[in-house]
Structure formats: structure tokens, C-alpha cells
PDB file of N, CA and C in Angstrom:
ATOM      1  N   MET A   1      14.811  -2.175   7.733  1.00  0.00           N
ATOM      2  CA  MET A   1      15.009  -2.632   9.084  1.00  0.00           C
ATOM      3  C   MET A   1      13.889  -3.596   9.469  1.00  0.00           C
ATOM      4  N   SER A   2      14.273  -4.742  10.003  1.00  0.00           N
ATOM      5  CA  SER A   2      13.273  -5.731  10.342  1.00  0.00           C
ATOM      6  C   SER A   2      12.928  -5.645  11.850  1.00  0.00           C
ATOM      7  N   VAL A   3      11.694  -5.953  12.117  1.00  0.00           N
ATOM      8  CA  VAL A   3      11.213  -5.966  13.495  1.00  0.00           C
ATOM      9  C   VAL A   3      11.474  -7.351  14.067  1.00  0.00           C
ATOM     10  N   PRO A   4      12.082  -7.423  15.267  1.00  0.00           N
ATOM     11  CA  PRO A   4      12.335  -8.753  15.831  1.00  0.00           C
ATOM     12  C   PRO A   4      11.052  -9.485  16.091  1.00  0.00           C
ATOM     13  N   THR A   5      11.085 -10.799  15.818  1.00  0.00           N
ATOM     14  CA  THR A   5       9.910 -11.627  16.002  1.00  0.00           C
ATOM     15  C   THR A   5       9.933 -12.160  17.438  1.00  0.00           C
ATOM     16  N   ILE A   6       8.857 -11.955  18.130  1.00  0.00           N
ATOM     17  CA  ILE A   6       8.729 -12.447  19.523  1.00  0.00           C
ATOM     18  C   ILE A   6       8.095 -13.831  19.405  1.00  0.00           C
ATOM     19  N   PRO A   7       8.713 -14.837  20.004  1.00  0.00           N
ATOM     20  CA  PRO A   7       8.130 -16.156  19.970  1.00  0.00           C
ATOM     21  C   PRO A   7       6.736 -16.187  20.593  1.00  0.00           C
ATOM     22  N   PRO A   8       5.833 -17.018  20.091  1.00  0.00           N
ATOM     23  CA  PRO A   8       4.466 -17.065  20.639  1.00  0.00           C
ATOM     24  C   PRO A   8       4.420 -17.318  22.141  1.00  0.00           C
ATOM     25  N   SER A   9       5.285 -18.175  22.649  1.00  0.00           N
ATOM     26  CA  SER A   9       5.244 -18.467  24.092  1.00  0.00           C
ATOM     27  C   SER A   9       5.605 -17.232  24.908  1.00  0.00           C
ATOM     28  N   VAL A  10       6.487 -16.393  24.381  1.00  0.00           N
ATOM     29  CA  VAL A  10       6.898 -15.159  25.103  1.00  0.00           C
ATOM     30  C   VAL A  10       5.753 -14.162  25.053  1.00  0.00           C
ATOM     31  N   ARG A  11       5.185 -13.999  23.871  1.00  0.00           N
ATOM     32  CA  ARG A  11       4.051 -13.063  23.745  1.00  0.00           C
ATOM     33  C   ARG A  11       2.913 -13.437  24.662  1.00  0.00           C
ATOM     34  N   LEU A  12       2.577 -14.729  24.679  1.00  0.00           N
ATOM     35  CA  LEU A  12       1.469 -15.189  25.524  1.00  0.00           C
ATOM     36  C   LEU A  12       1.804 -15.042  27.015  1.00  0.00           C
ATOM     37  N   ALA A  13       3.019 -15.389  27.398  1.00  0.00           N
ATOM     38  CA  ALA A  13       3.411 -15.259  28.804  1.00  0.00           C
ATOM     39  C   ALA A  13       3.344 -13.810  29.259  1.00  0.00           C
ATOM     40  N   ASN A  14       3.744 -12.863  28.385  1.00  0.00           N
ATOM     41  CA  ASN A  14       3.664 -11.466  28.718  1.00  0.00           C
ATOM     42  C   ASN A  14       2.191 -10.996  28.847  1.00  0.00           C
ATOM     43  N   GLU A  15       1.333 -11.520  27.941  1.00  0.00           N
ATOM     44  CA  GLU A  15      -0.088 -11.166  28.037  1.00  0.00           C
ATOM     45  C   GLU A  15      -0.711 -11.681  29.322  1.00  0.00           C
ATOM     46  N   ILE A  16      -0.359 -12.912  29.705  1.00  0.00           N
ATOM     47  CA  ILE A  16      -0.862 -13.447  30.950  1.00  0.00           C
ATOM     48  C   ILE A  16      -0.328 -12.656  32.136  1.00  0.00           C
ATOM     49  N   ALA A  17       0.941 -12.268  32.091  1.00  0.00           N
ATOM     50  CA  ALA A  17       1.540 -11.476  33.153  1.00  0.00           C
ATOM     51  C   ALA A  17       0.782 -10.165  33.360  1.00  0.00           C
ATOM     52  N   ARG A  18       0.380  -9.536  32.260  1.00  0.00           N
ATOM     53  CA  ARG A  18      -0.366  -8.273  32.383  1.00  0.00           C
ATOM     54  C   ARG A  18      -1.682  -8.453  33.139  1.00  0.00           C
ATOM     55  N   GLN A  19      -2.273  -9.653  33.040  1.00  0.00           N
ATOM     56  CA  GLN A  19      -3.526  -9.897  33.745  1.00  0.00           C
ATOM     57  C   GLN A  19      -3.372 -10.020  35.245  1.00  0.00           C
ATOM     58  N   PHE A  20      -2.148 -10.210  35.691  1.00  0.00           N
ATOM     59  CA  PHE A  20      -1.862 -10.392  37.129  1.00  0.00           C
ATOM     60  C   PHE A  20      -0.999  -9.272  37.706  1.00  0.00           C
ATOM     61  N   GLU A  21      -0.935  -8.148  37.021  1.00  0.00           N
ATOM     62  CA  GLU A  21      -0.111  -7.003  37.496  1.00  0.00           C
ATOM     63  C   GLU A  21      -0.581  -6.504  38.854  1.00  0.00           C
ATOM     64  N   HIS A  22      -1.853  -6.718  39.191  1.00  0.00           N
ATOM     65  CA  HIS A  22      -2.386  -6.206  40.415  1.00  0.00           C
ATOM     66  C   HIS A  22      -1.982  -7.054  41.652  1.00  0.00           C
ATOM     67  N   LYS A  23      -1.399  -8.231  41.412  1.00  0.00           N
ATOM     68  CA  LYS A  23      -1.011  -9.126  42.508  1.00  0.00           C
ATOM     69  C   LYS A  23       0.459  -8.924  42.865  1.00  0.00           C
ATOM     70  N   PRO A  24       0.820  -9.314  44.081  1.00  0.00           N
ATOM     71  CA  PRO A  24       2.235  -9.290  44.434  1.00  0.00           C
ATOM     72  C   PRO A  24       3.014 -10.233  43.483  1.00  0.00           C
ATOM     73  N   PRO A  25       4.265  -9.934  43.176  1.00  0.00           N
ATOM     74  CA  PRO A  25       4.996 -10.729  42.177  1.00  0.00           C
ATOM     75  C   PRO A  25       5.009 -12.243  42.445  1.00  0.00           C
ATOM     76  N   ALA A  26       5.167 -12.691  43.664  1.00  0.00           N
ATOM     77  CA  ALA A  26       5.208 -14.117  43.931  1.00  0.00           C
ATOM     78  C   ALA A  26       3.869 -14.755  43.632  1.00  0.00           C
ATOM     79  N   ASP A  27       2.743 -14.084  44.000  1.00  0.00           N
ATOM     80  CA  ASP A  27       1.432 -14.598  43.729  1.00  0.00           C
ATOM     81  C   ASP A  27       1.152 -14.611  42.234  1.00  0.00           C
ATOM     82  N   ALA A  28       1.565 -13.555  41.557  1.00  0.00           N
ATOM     83  CA  ALA A  28       1.354 -13.435  40.099  1.00  0.00           C
ATOM     84  C   ALA A  28       2.118 -14.560  39.408  1.00  0.00           C
ATOM     85  N   ALA A  29       3.360 -14.785  39.794  1.00  0.00           N
ATOM     86  CA  ALA A  29       4.161 -15.831  39.159  1.00  0.00           C
ATOM     87  C   ALA A  29       3.530 -17.218  39.342  1.00  0.00           C
ATOM     88  N   THR A  30       2.997 -17.488  40.521  1.00  0.00           N
ATOM     89  CA  THR A  30       2.360 -18.761  40.783  1.00  0.00           C
ATOM     90  C   THR A  30       1.104 -18.910  39.935  1.00  0.00           C
ATOM     91  N   ALA A  31       0.314 -17.859  39.821  1.00  0.00           N
ATOM     92  CA  ALA A  31      -0.892 -17.913  39.019  1.00  0.00           C
ATOM     93  C   ALA A  31      -0.543 -18.122  37.545  1.00  0.00           C
ATOM     94  N   ILE A  32       0.464 -17.448  37.057  1.00  0.00           N
ATOM     95  CA  ILE A  32       0.891 -17.600  35.673  1.00  0.00           C
ATOM     96  C   ILE A  32       1.390 -19.018  35.432  1.00  0.00           C
ATOM     97  N   ALA A  33       2.235 -19.505  36.334  1.00  0.00           N
ATOM     98  CA  ALA A  33       2.762 -20.876  36.218  1.00  0.00           C
ATOM     99  C   ALA A  33       1.651 -21.903  36.210  1.00  0.00           C
ATOM    100  N   ASN A  34       0.676 -21.730  37.078  1.00  0.00           N
ATOM    101  CA  ASN A  34      -0.436 -22.678  37.143  1.00  0.00           C
ATOM    102  C   ASN A  34      -1.223 -22.701  35.828  1.00  0.00           C
ATOM    103  N   HIS A  35      -1.434 -21.522  35.269  1.00  0.00           N
ATOM    104  CA  HIS A  35      -2.125 -21.446  33.983  1.00  0.00           C
ATOM    105  C   HIS A  35      -1.312 -22.185  32.900  1.00  0.00           C
ATOM    106  N   ILE A  36      -0.016 -21.901  32.854  1.00  0.00           N
ATOM    107  CA  ILE A  36       0.838 -22.512  31.821  1.00  0.00           C
ATOM    108  C   ILE A  36       0.854 -24.020  31.989  1.00  0.00           C
ATOM    109  N   LYS A  37       0.993 -24.485  33.227  1.00  0.00           N
ATOM    110  CA  LYS A  37       1.053 -25.930  33.480  1.00  0.00           C
ATOM    111  C   LYS A  37      -0.210 -26.651  33.012  1.00  0.00           C
ATOM    112  N   VAL A  38      -1.369 -26.016  33.176  1.00  0.00           N
ATOM    113  CA  VAL A  38      -2.650 -26.645  32.872  1.00  0.00           C
ATOM    114  C   VAL A  38      -3.005 -26.505  31.373  1.00  0.00           C
ATOM    115  N   VAL A  39      -2.721 -25.362  30.787  1.00  0.00           N
ATOM    116  CA  VAL A  39      -3.278 -25.056  29.466  1.00  0.00           C
ATOM    117  C   VAL A  39      -2.248 -25.274  28.345  1.00  0.00           C
ATOM    118  N   TRP A  40      -1.016 -24.970  28.571  1.00  0.00           N
ATOM    119  CA  TRP A  40      -0.047 -24.952  27.485  1.00  0.00           C
ATOM    120  C   TRP A  40       0.395 -26.324  27.068  1.00  0.00           C
ATOM    121  N   ASP A  41       0.666 -26.471  25.770  1.00  0.00           N
ATOM    122  CA  ASP A  41       1.276 -27.647  25.189  1.00  0.00           C
ATOM    123  C   ASP A  41       2.711 -27.796  25.708  1.00  0.00           C
ATOM    124  N   PRO A  42       3.183 -29.024  25.890  1.00  0.00           N
ATOM    125  CA  PRO A  42       4.562 -29.218  26.388  1.00  0.00           C
ATOM    126  C   PRO A  42       5.618 -28.526  25.560  1.00  0.00           C
ATOM    127  N   ARG A  43       5.426 -28.445  24.269  1.00  0.00           N
ATOM    128  CA  ARG A  43       6.414 -27.748  23.426  1.00  0.00           C
ATOM    129  C   ARG A  43       6.486 -26.280  23.734  1.00  0.00           C
ATOM    130  N   MET A  44       5.352 -25.671  24.014  1.00  0.00           N
ATOM    131  CA  MET A  44       5.341 -24.230  24.375  1.00  0.00           C
ATOM    132  C   MET A  44       5.986 -24.022  25.750  1.00  0.00           C
ATOM    133  N   LYS A  45       5.729 -24.934  26.683  1.00  0.00           N
ATOM    134  CA  LYS A  45       6.380 -24.835  27.978  1.00  0.00           C
ATOM    135  C   LYS A  45       7.884 -24.897  27.832  1.00  0.00           C
ATOM    136  N   ARG A  46       8.362 -25.853  27.048  1.00  0.00           N
ATOM    137  CA  ARG A  46       9.807 -26.004  26.827  1.00  0.00           C
ATOM    138  C   ARG A  46      10.345 -24.769  26.128  1.00  0.00           C
ATOM    139  N   ALA A  47       9.620 -24.199  25.140  1.00  0.00           N
ATOM    140  CA  ALA A  47      10.093 -23.020  24.430  1.00  0.00           C
ATOM    141  C   ALA A  47      10.238 -21.850  25.403  1.00  0.00           C
ATOM    142  N   LEU A  48       9.312 -21.697  26.327  1.00  0.00           N
ATOM    143  CA  LEU A  48       9.386 -20.600  27.289  1.00  0.00           C
ATOM    144  C   LEU A  48      10.596 -20.774  28.203  1.00  0.00           C
ATOM    145  N   VAL A  49      10.790 -21.965  28.726  1.00  0.00           N
ATOM    146  CA  VAL A  49      11.931 -22.221  29.603  1.00  0.00           C
ATOM    147  C   VAL A  49      13.246 -22.032  28.855  1.00  0.00           C
ATOM    148  N   ASP A  50      13.321 -22.507  27.625  1.00  0.00           N
ATOM    149  CA  ASP A  50      14.527 -22.324  26.818  1.00  0.00           C
ATOM    150  C   ASP A  50      14.775 -20.837  26.576  1.00  0.00           C
ATOM    151  N   TYR A  51      13.721 -20.077  26.358  1.00  0.00           N
ATOM    152  CA  TYR A  51      13.885 -18.640  26.124  1.00  0.00           C
ATOM    153  C   TYR A  51      14.449 -17.971  27.371  1.00  0.00           C
ATOM    154  N   VAL A  52      13.970 -18.377  28.523  1.00  0.00           N
ATOM    155  CA  VAL A  52      14.503 -17.827  29.799  1.00  0.00           C
ATOM    156  C   VAL A  52      15.990 -18.173  29.905  1.00  0.00           C
ATOM    157  N   ASP A  53      16.337 -19.397  29.577  1.00  0.00           N
ATOM    158  CA  ASP A  53      17.728 -19.839  29.648  1.00  0.00           C
ATOM    159  C   ASP A  53      18.617 -19.057  28.683  1.00  0.00           C
ATOM    160  N   ALA A  54      18.030 -18.552  27.605  1.00  0.00           N
ATOM    161  CA  ALA A  54      18.797 -17.782  26.592  1.00  0.00           C
ATOM    162  C   ALA A  54      18.891 -16.291  26.916  1.00  0.00           C
ATOM    163  N   GLY A  55      18.247 -15.874  28.008  1.00  0.00           N
ATOM    164  CA  GLY A  55      18.396 -14.464  28.404  1.00  0.00           C
ATOM    165  C   GLY A  55      17.093 -13.735  28.637  1.00  0.00           C
ATOM    166  N   ALA A  56      16.071 -14.071  27.898  1.00  0.00           N
ATOM    167  CA  ALA A  56      14.699 -13.534  28.131  1.00  0.00           C
ATOM    168  C   ALA A  56      14.632 -12.039  28.283  1.00  0.00           C
ATOM    169  N   ASP A  57      15.280 -11.322  27.366  1.00  0.00           N
ATOM    170  CA  ASP A  57      15.329  -9.875  27.460  1.00  0.00           C
ATOM    171  C   ASP A  57      13.965  -9.172  27.428  1.00  0.00           C
ATOM    172  N   ASP A  58      13.004  -9.695  26.716  1.00  0.00           N
ATOM    173  CA  ASP A  58      11.725  -9.035  26.582  1.00  0.00           C
ATOM    174  C   ASP A  58      10.589  -9.785  27.271  1.00  0.00           C
ATOM    175  N   LEU A  59      10.917 -10.567  28.285  1.00  0.00           N
ATOM    176  CA  LEU A  59       9.920 -11.320  29.028  1.00  0.00           C
ATOM    177  C   LEU A  59       9.691 -10.588  30.386  1.00  0.00           C
ATOM    178  N   ALA A  60       8.425 -10.451  30.751  1.00  0.00           N
ATOM    179  CA  ALA A  60       8.093  -9.783  32.004  1.00  0.00           C
ATOM    180  C   ALA A  60       8.747 -10.531  33.185  1.00  0.00           C
ATOM    181  N   PRO A  61       9.241  -9.776  34.170  1.00  0.00           N
ATOM    182  CA  PRO A  61       9.915 -10.411  35.285  1.00  0.00           C
ATOM    183  C   PRO A  61       9.080 -11.510  35.979  1.00  0.00           C
ATOM    184  N   VAL A  62       7.758 -11.278  36.154  1.00  0.00           N
ATOM    185  CA  VAL A  62       6.961 -12.301  36.788  1.00  0.00           C
ATOM    186  C   VAL A  62       6.776 -13.525  35.900  1.00  0.00           C
ATOM    187  N   ALA A  63       6.851 -13.338  34.601  1.00  0.00           N
ATOM    188  CA  ALA A  63       6.770 -14.472  33.673  1.00  0.00           C
ATOM    189  C   ALA A  63       8.061 -15.289  33.753  1.00  0.00           C
ATOM    190  N   ILE A  64       9.178 -14.662  34.039  1.00  0.00           N
ATOM    191  CA  ILE A  64      10.428 -15.377  34.223  1.00  0.00           C
ATOM    192  C   ILE A  64      10.306 -16.226  35.477  1.00  0.00           C
ATOM    193  N   LEU A  65       9.761 -15.634  36.553  1.00  0.00           N
ATOM    194  CA  LEU A  65       9.564 -16.406  37.787  1.00  0.00           C
ATOM    195  C   LEU A  65       8.629 -17.580  37.536  1.00  0.00           C
ATOM    196  N   ALA A  66       7.597 -17.352  36.763  1.00  0.00           N
ATOM    197  CA  ALA A  66       6.652 -18.438  36.437  1.00  0.00           C
ATOM    198  C   ALA A  66       7.346 -19.541  35.633  1.00  0.00           C
ATOM    199  N   ALA A  67       8.194 -19.141  34.699  1.00  0.00           N
ATOM    200  CA  ALA A  67       8.892 -20.136  33.885  1.00  0.00           C
ATOM    201  C   ALA A  67       9.807 -20.981  34.745  1.00  0.00           C
ATOM    202  N   ASP A  68      10.368 -20.379  35.782  1.00  0.00           N
ATOM    203  CA  ASP A  68      11.187 -21.171  36.716  1.00  0.00           C
ATOM    204  C   ASP A  68      10.359 -22.240  37.447  1.00  0.00           C
ATOM    205  N   GLN A  69       9.118 -21.876  37.764  1.00  0.00           N
ATOM    206  CA  GLN A  69       8.214 -22.828  38.386  1.00  0.00           C
ATOM    207  C   GLN A  69       7.791 -23.950  37.398  1.00  0.00           C
ATOM    208  N   VAL A  70       7.584 -23.559  36.148  1.00  0.00           N
ATOM    209  CA  VAL A  70       7.211 -24.514  35.125  1.00  0.00           C
ATOM    210  C   VAL A  70       8.377 -25.474  34.834  1.00  0.00           C
ATOM    211  N   ARG A  71       9.571 -24.956  34.879  1.00  0.00           N
ATOM    212  CA  ARG A  71      10.783 -25.760  34.632  1.00  0.00           C
ATOM    213  C   ARG A  71      10.769 -27.030  35.509  1.00  0.00           C
ATOM    214  N   ALA A  72      10.346 -26.888  36.736  1.00  0.00           N
ATOM    215  CA  ALA A  72      10.357 -28.033  37.677  1.00  0.00           C
ATOM    216  C   ALA A  72       9.428 -29.167  37.206  1.00  0.00           C
ATOM    217  N   THR A  73       8.476 -28.881  36.369  1.00  0.00           N
ATOM    218  CA  THR A  73       7.502 -29.874  35.915  1.00  0.00           C
ATOM    219  C   THR A  73       7.886 -30.517  34.605  1.00  0.00           C
ATOM    220  N   LEU A  74       8.948 -30.012  33.948  1.00  0.00           N
ATOM    221  CA  LEU A  74       9.368 -30.536  32.668  1.00  0.00           C
ATOM    222  C   LEU A  74      10.258 -31.749  32.864  1.00  0.00           C
ATOM    223  N   GLN A  75      10.221 -32.671  31.931  1.00  0.00           N
ATOM    224  CA  GLN A  75      11.063 -33.847  32.028  1.00  0.00           C
ATOM    225  C   GLN A  75      12.214 -33.785  31.066  1.00  0.00           C
TER     226      GLN A  75
END
């Protein structure tokens, strides 16, 4: 039995989301999105948004909200 591979962008987004669990969801999503916009490579941003579009079963809910904010900055 193989273990499903979690894409790096998903793993990182979930790790960042855990750092903001103490904040209200809207504030956490904005903080996560801001971090992603500033630090992440464009390919990783696109991979995260594409993952959300594909269903994002194992992505933290606030990371999904953040990805929606990041989507607006992609071309």
C-alpha cells in the first residue's frame, strides 16, 4: 500500500496555517496569503491554486481561503 504524496505547496500551506490557528479565520487567511505572495515562487503559488481547483481534500480551510486571495494576484 502506497502513502499518498502531498505536494510541497500543500504541505507548506498547511504548516503556515498551523502557525495562525490562534487567529480568526479571515485574519489567518490574510496572513497566510500575504506570506505566500511575498515568499513563494510563482510556480508554487500556481500549484497551490490549481490544487484548490482540483478539490483540495487535505488542505486546511484557512489555507484554501488564502489560496483564493493569492489567485487574484496570479496572471
